[in-house]
Amino acid sequence: MRGIEFYTTHFLICGNIDGKEKRGANRHLQQKIHIKRKDFIMKKTILLFSIILTLSLCSCVNSQTANKQSTTSNQQTTTDSVSEPTSIPATEQPKQKNKGTVSGKYDVEIVTAKTATDFQGNPAIIVTYNFTNNSNANASFLTSVSANAFQNSIQCNVATMMPDVMDAQPSLAEVQPGGTITLECAYSLHDTANPITVQVGPLMSITNEVNAQMTFSFKNN
């Protein structure tokens, strides 16, 4: 904190002002300076206290928000984990919504899934979707919605398949308003033991909204 520079007021003594009057005037000046200094320190103290109080309130709000989000996430994980295991290809599992409307414009249904191998011979999963365009313009599946697969809570990469195994063109084909197309998308697997969860949502979303979800498990697991 910068020091407070005080300026000494010089008094011009005229006439018959004695030393006592000079000391009295100087004492009065010092008292005024002292009062102003106390006011200044008091104002800064109040300001500092207000800042600390505001930061404390913000910290409490952020902590409560984080706890609420953590609780919601734990509840969602619990709900997903109670789904009964099924085989691939699989049907819709309990407590899952395999159909949904994305961005208010596109109806998407997760139909089924099957295992396969990509062009390098690595394990993959091929998911079948139904895509209906309810917008006022032509639209394709891959440029209108986001469709992802997760295994062990980690996103699976898109798999490259041989043409005789999967036709990728329908996922890029434009669909006119009111039209529906059935298409397939392939994803690389991390292993062939743990379930795979497929999620569909908006192509761009800040909140990571999920409009349709389905979990597939391997046979005999």
Protein backbone atom coordinates (compact mmCIF):
# COMPACT_ATOMS: atom_id res chain seq x y z
CA MET A 1 0.00 0.00 0.00
CA ARG A 2 1.33 3.32 -0.99
CA GLY A 3 2.03 5.62 1.84
CA ILE A 4 -0.13 8.64 2.28
CA GLU A 5 1.76 11.77 1.50
CA PHE A 6 0.95 14.57 3.74
CA TYR A 7 1.55 18.09 2.80
CA THR A 8 2.43 20.53 5.51
CA THR A 9 0.50 23.71 5.43
CA HIS A 10 2.60 26.66 6.15
CA PHE A 11 1.03 29.38 8.12
CA LEU A 12 1.92 32.96 7.55
CA ILE A 13 2.10 34.57 10.90
CA CYS A 14 0.88 38.13 10.75
CA GLY A 15 0.52 40.58 13.52
CA ASN A 16 0.74 39.40 17.04
CA ILE A 17 0.17 35.58 16.84
CA ASP A 18 2.07 33.95 19.66
CA GLY A 19 3.58 30.44 19.90
CA LYS A 20 0.54 29.03 21.69
CA GLU A 21 -1.77 29.96 18.85
CA LYS A 22 0.66 28.41 16.35
CA ARG A 23 0.71 25.16 18.32
CA GLY A 24 -3.08 25.19 18.51
CA ALA A 25 -3.43 25.67 14.76
CA ASN A 26 -0.90 22.92 14.08
CA ARG A 27 -2.71 20.53 16.48
CA HIS A 28 -6.02 21.24 14.73
CA LEU A 29 -4.44 20.47 11.36
CA GLN A 30 -2.99 17.19 12.65
CA GLN A 31 -6.40 16.19 14.03
CA LYS A 32 -8.03 16.79 10.64
CA ILE A 33 -5.35 14.71 8.93
CA HIS A 34 -5.77 11.92 11.48
CA ILE A 35 -9.55 11.87 10.97
CA LYS A 36 -9.21 11.73 7.19
CA ARG A 37 -6.67 8.95 7.50
CA LYS A 38 -9.01 6.91 9.75
CA ASP A 39 -11.87 7.43 7.27
CA PHE A 40 -9.64 6.27 4.42
CA ILE A 41 -8.52 3.13 6.27
CA MET A 42 -12.11 2.38 7.30
CA LYS A 43 -13.36 2.62 3.71
CA LYS A 44 -10.61 0.33 2.44
CA THR A 45 -11.33 -2.17 5.20
CA ILE A 46 -15.05 -2.22 4.31
CA LEU A 47 -14.20 -2.64 0.61
CA LEU A 48 -11.80 -5.50 1.33
CA PHE A 49 -14.38 -7.21 3.56
CA SER A 50 -17.01 -6.89 0.80
CA ILE A 51 -14.67 -8.47 -1.75
CA ILE A 52 -13.86 -11.39 0.58
CA LEU A 53 -17.57 -11.92 1.33
CA THR A 54 -18.43 -11.90 -2.40
CA LEU A 55 -15.69 -14.42 -3.21
CA SER A 56 -16.84 -16.66 -0.36
CA LEU A 57 -20.43 -16.64 -1.63
CA CYS A 58 -19.29 -17.44 -5.18
CA SER A 59 -17.16 -20.30 -3.87
CA CYS A 60 -20.14 -21.73 -1.98
CA VAL A 61 -22.42 -21.52 -5.04
CA ASN A 62 -19.83 -23.20 -7.27
CA SER A 63 -19.30 -25.93 -4.71
CA GLN A 64 -23.03 -26.62 -4.44
CA THR A 65 -23.35 -26.70 -8.27
CA ALA A 66 -20.44 -29.15 -8.57
CA ASN A 67 -21.94 -31.41 -5.89
CA LYS A 68 -25.32 -31.35 -7.63
CA GLN A 69 -23.75 -32.26 -10.99
CA SER A 70 -21.74 -35.04 -9.36
CA THR A 71 -24.88 -36.45 -7.73
CA THR A 72 -26.79 -36.32 -11.03
CA SER A 73 -23.92 -38.08 -12.82
CA ASN A 74 -23.80 -40.82 -10.20
CA GLN A 75 -27.56 -41.32 -10.46
CA GLN A 76 -27.33 -41.62 -14.24
CA THR A 77 -24.51 -44.17 -13.98
CA THR A 78 -26.57 -46.24 -11.57
CA THR A 79 -29.60 -46.18 -13.88
CA ASP A 80 -27.55 -47.31 -16.88
CA SER A 81 -25.83 -50.11 -15.00
CA VAL A 82 -29.07 -51.90 -14.05
CA SER A 83 -29.94 -52.65 -17.66
CA GLU A 84 -30.11 -56.37 -18.31
CA PRO A 85 -27.37 -57.69 -20.65
CA THR A 86 -28.44 -58.76 -24.12
CA SER A 87 -26.73 -60.27 -27.12
CA ILE A 88 -25.62 -58.60 -30.33
CA PRO A 89 -27.81 -58.15 -32.32
CA ALA A 90 -29.92 -56.85 -29.46
CA THR A 91 -33.31 -55.40 -28.78
CA GLU A 92 -34.07 -52.27 -26.76
CA GLN A 93 -33.17 -52.72 -23.11
CA PRO A 94 -35.25 -51.62 -20.10
CA LYS A 95 -34.99 -48.01 -18.97
CA GLN A 96 -33.48 -46.95 -22.29
CA LYS A 97 -34.80 -44.70 -25.02
CA ASN A 98 -33.65 -45.86 -28.42
CA LYS A 99 -35.77 -43.27 -30.27
CA GLY A 100 -35.60 -39.50 -30.05
CA THR A 101 -35.99 -36.19 -31.83
CA VAL A 102 -32.75 -34.28 -32.32
CA SER A 103 -32.74 -30.47 -32.43
CA GLY A 104 -36.51 -30.56 -32.98
CA LYS A 105 -35.89 -31.47 -36.64
CA TYR A 106 -34.68 -35.06 -36.97
CA ASP A 107 -36.16 -38.31 -35.68
CA VAL A 108 -33.49 -40.94 -35.02
CA GLU A 109 -33.98 -44.57 -34.01
CA ILE A 110 -31.15 -46.86 -32.89
CA VAL A 111 -32.34 -50.14 -34.41
CA THR A 112 -29.75 -52.85 -33.79
CA ALA A 113 -26.03 -53.70 -33.76
CA LYS A 114 -23.72 -56.49 -34.87
CA THR A 115 -20.06 -57.30 -34.53
CA ALA A 116 -17.67 -57.23 -37.50
CA THR A 117 -14.02 -56.61 -38.38
CA ASP A 118 -12.63 -53.45 -39.96
CA PHE A 119 -10.38 -53.34 -43.05
CA GLN A 120 -7.36 -54.14 -40.84
CA GLY A 121 -9.03 -57.11 -39.18
CA ASN A 122 -9.67 -55.36 -35.85
CA PRO A 123 -12.96 -55.89 -33.95
CA ALA A 124 -15.73 -53.39 -34.65
CA ILE A 125 -19.44 -52.86 -34.13
CA ILE A 126 -21.88 -51.87 -36.87
CA VAL A 127 -24.91 -49.93 -35.62
CA THR A 128 -28.08 -49.58 -37.70
CA TYR A 129 -30.08 -46.32 -37.50
CA ASN A 130 -33.33 -44.98 -38.96
CA PHE A 131 -33.11 -41.27 -39.79
CA THR A 132 -36.16 -39.12 -40.60
CA ASN A 133 -35.75 -35.54 -41.81
CA ASN A 134 -38.50 -33.31 -40.39
CA SER A 135 -36.81 -30.04 -41.31
CA ASN A 136 -37.63 -27.75 -44.24
CA ALA A 137 -34.44 -28.53 -46.17
CA ASN A 138 -32.49 -31.54 -47.37
CA ALA A 139 -30.31 -33.10 -44.67
CA SER A 140 -27.98 -36.07 -44.19
CA PHE A 141 -27.47 -38.14 -41.06
CA LEU A 142 -23.77 -37.41 -40.47
CA THR A 143 -24.11 -33.66 -41.06
CA SER A 144 -27.25 -33.26 -38.93
CA VAL A 145 -26.77 -35.31 -35.76
CA SER A 146 -23.98 -36.65 -33.57
CA ALA A 147 -23.90 -40.45 -33.15
CA ASN A 148 -21.22 -41.95 -30.88
CA ALA A 149 -20.39 -45.28 -29.28
CA PHE A 150 -18.75 -45.69 -25.86
CA GLN A 151 -17.05 -48.70 -24.27
CA ASN A 152 -15.54 -48.68 -20.78
CA SER A 153 -16.73 -45.04 -20.56
CA ILE A 154 -14.39 -44.10 -23.43
CA GLN A 155 -15.54 -42.95 -26.85
CA CYS A 156 -14.93 -45.43 -29.67
CA ASN A 157 -13.26 -44.28 -32.87
CA VAL A 158 -15.07 -44.48 -36.19
CA ALA A 159 -14.09 -47.70 -37.94
CA THR A 160 -13.25 -48.02 -41.64
CA MET A 161 -15.03 -51.00 -43.15
CA MET A 162 -14.64 -52.84 -46.44
CA PRO A 163 -17.45 -52.06 -48.95
CA ASP A 164 -18.66 -55.66 -48.93
CA VAL A 165 -19.08 -55.50 -45.13
CA MET A 166 -20.84 -52.15 -44.78
CA ASP A 167 -22.07 -49.49 -47.18
CA ALA A 168 -21.19 -46.05 -45.74
CA GLN A 169 -22.90 -44.00 -48.47
CA PRO A 170 -26.41 -43.88 -46.91
CA SER A 171 -25.05 -42.04 -43.85
CA LEU A 172 -23.96 -39.22 -46.16
CA ALA A 173 -26.95 -39.30 -48.50
CA GLU A 174 -29.22 -36.26 -48.40
CA VAL A 175 -32.81 -36.90 -47.35
CA GLN A 176 -35.62 -34.59 -48.44
CA PRO A 177 -38.07 -33.13 -45.89
CA GLY A 178 -40.35 -35.91 -44.61
CA GLY A 179 -38.11 -38.69 -45.91
CA THR A 180 -36.63 -41.60 -43.95
CA ILE A 181 -33.46 -43.61 -44.59
CA THR A 182 -31.92 -46.68 -42.94
CA LEU A 183 -28.15 -46.50 -42.58
CA GLU A 184 -25.18 -48.04 -40.78
CA CYS A 185 -22.20 -46.62 -38.90
CA ALA A 186 -19.18 -48.59 -37.66
CA TYR A 187 -17.12 -48.05 -34.50
CA SER A 188 -13.87 -49.64 -33.35
CA LEU A 189 -14.10 -51.77 -30.19
CA HIS A 190 -11.70 -51.56 -27.25
CA ASP A 191 -12.45 -55.19 -26.41
CA THR A 192 -15.03 -57.89 -27.08
CA ALA A 193 -16.21 -58.34 -23.51
CA ASN A 194 -17.64 -55.11 -22.12
CA PRO A 195 -20.98 -53.52 -23.20
CA ILE A 196 -21.18 -50.74 -25.78
CA THR A 197 -23.45 -47.72 -25.31
CA VAL A 198 -24.63 -45.83 -28.39
CA GLN A 199 -25.80 -42.22 -27.99
CA VAL A 200 -27.38 -39.80 -30.45
CA GLY A 201 -27.71 -36.04 -29.92
CA PRO A 202 -27.35 -32.66 -31.59
CA LEU A 203 -24.39 -32.10 -33.87
CA MET A 204 -23.45 -29.03 -31.81
CA SER A 205 -24.38 -28.99 -28.12
CA ILE A 206 -22.92 -27.17 -25.11
CA THR A 207 -24.80 -29.37 -22.64
CA ASN A 208 -23.96 -32.71 -24.37
CA GLU A 209 -27.67 -33.45 -24.74
CA VAL A 210 -28.57 -37.08 -25.48
CA ASN A 211 -31.83 -37.70 -27.37
CA ALA A 212 -31.54 -41.46 -27.92
CA GLN A 213 -29.46 -44.12 -26.20
CA MET A 214 -29.09 -47.88 -26.33
CA THR A 215 -26.63 -50.31 -24.72
CA PHE A 216 -25.52 -53.57 -26.35
CA SER A 217 -23.79 -56.49 -24.63
CA PHE A 218 -21.88 -59.40 -26.10
CA LYS A 219 -23.43 -62.84 -26.28
CA ASN A 220 -22.89 -65.07 -23.23
CA ASN A 221 -21.72 -62.06 -21.10
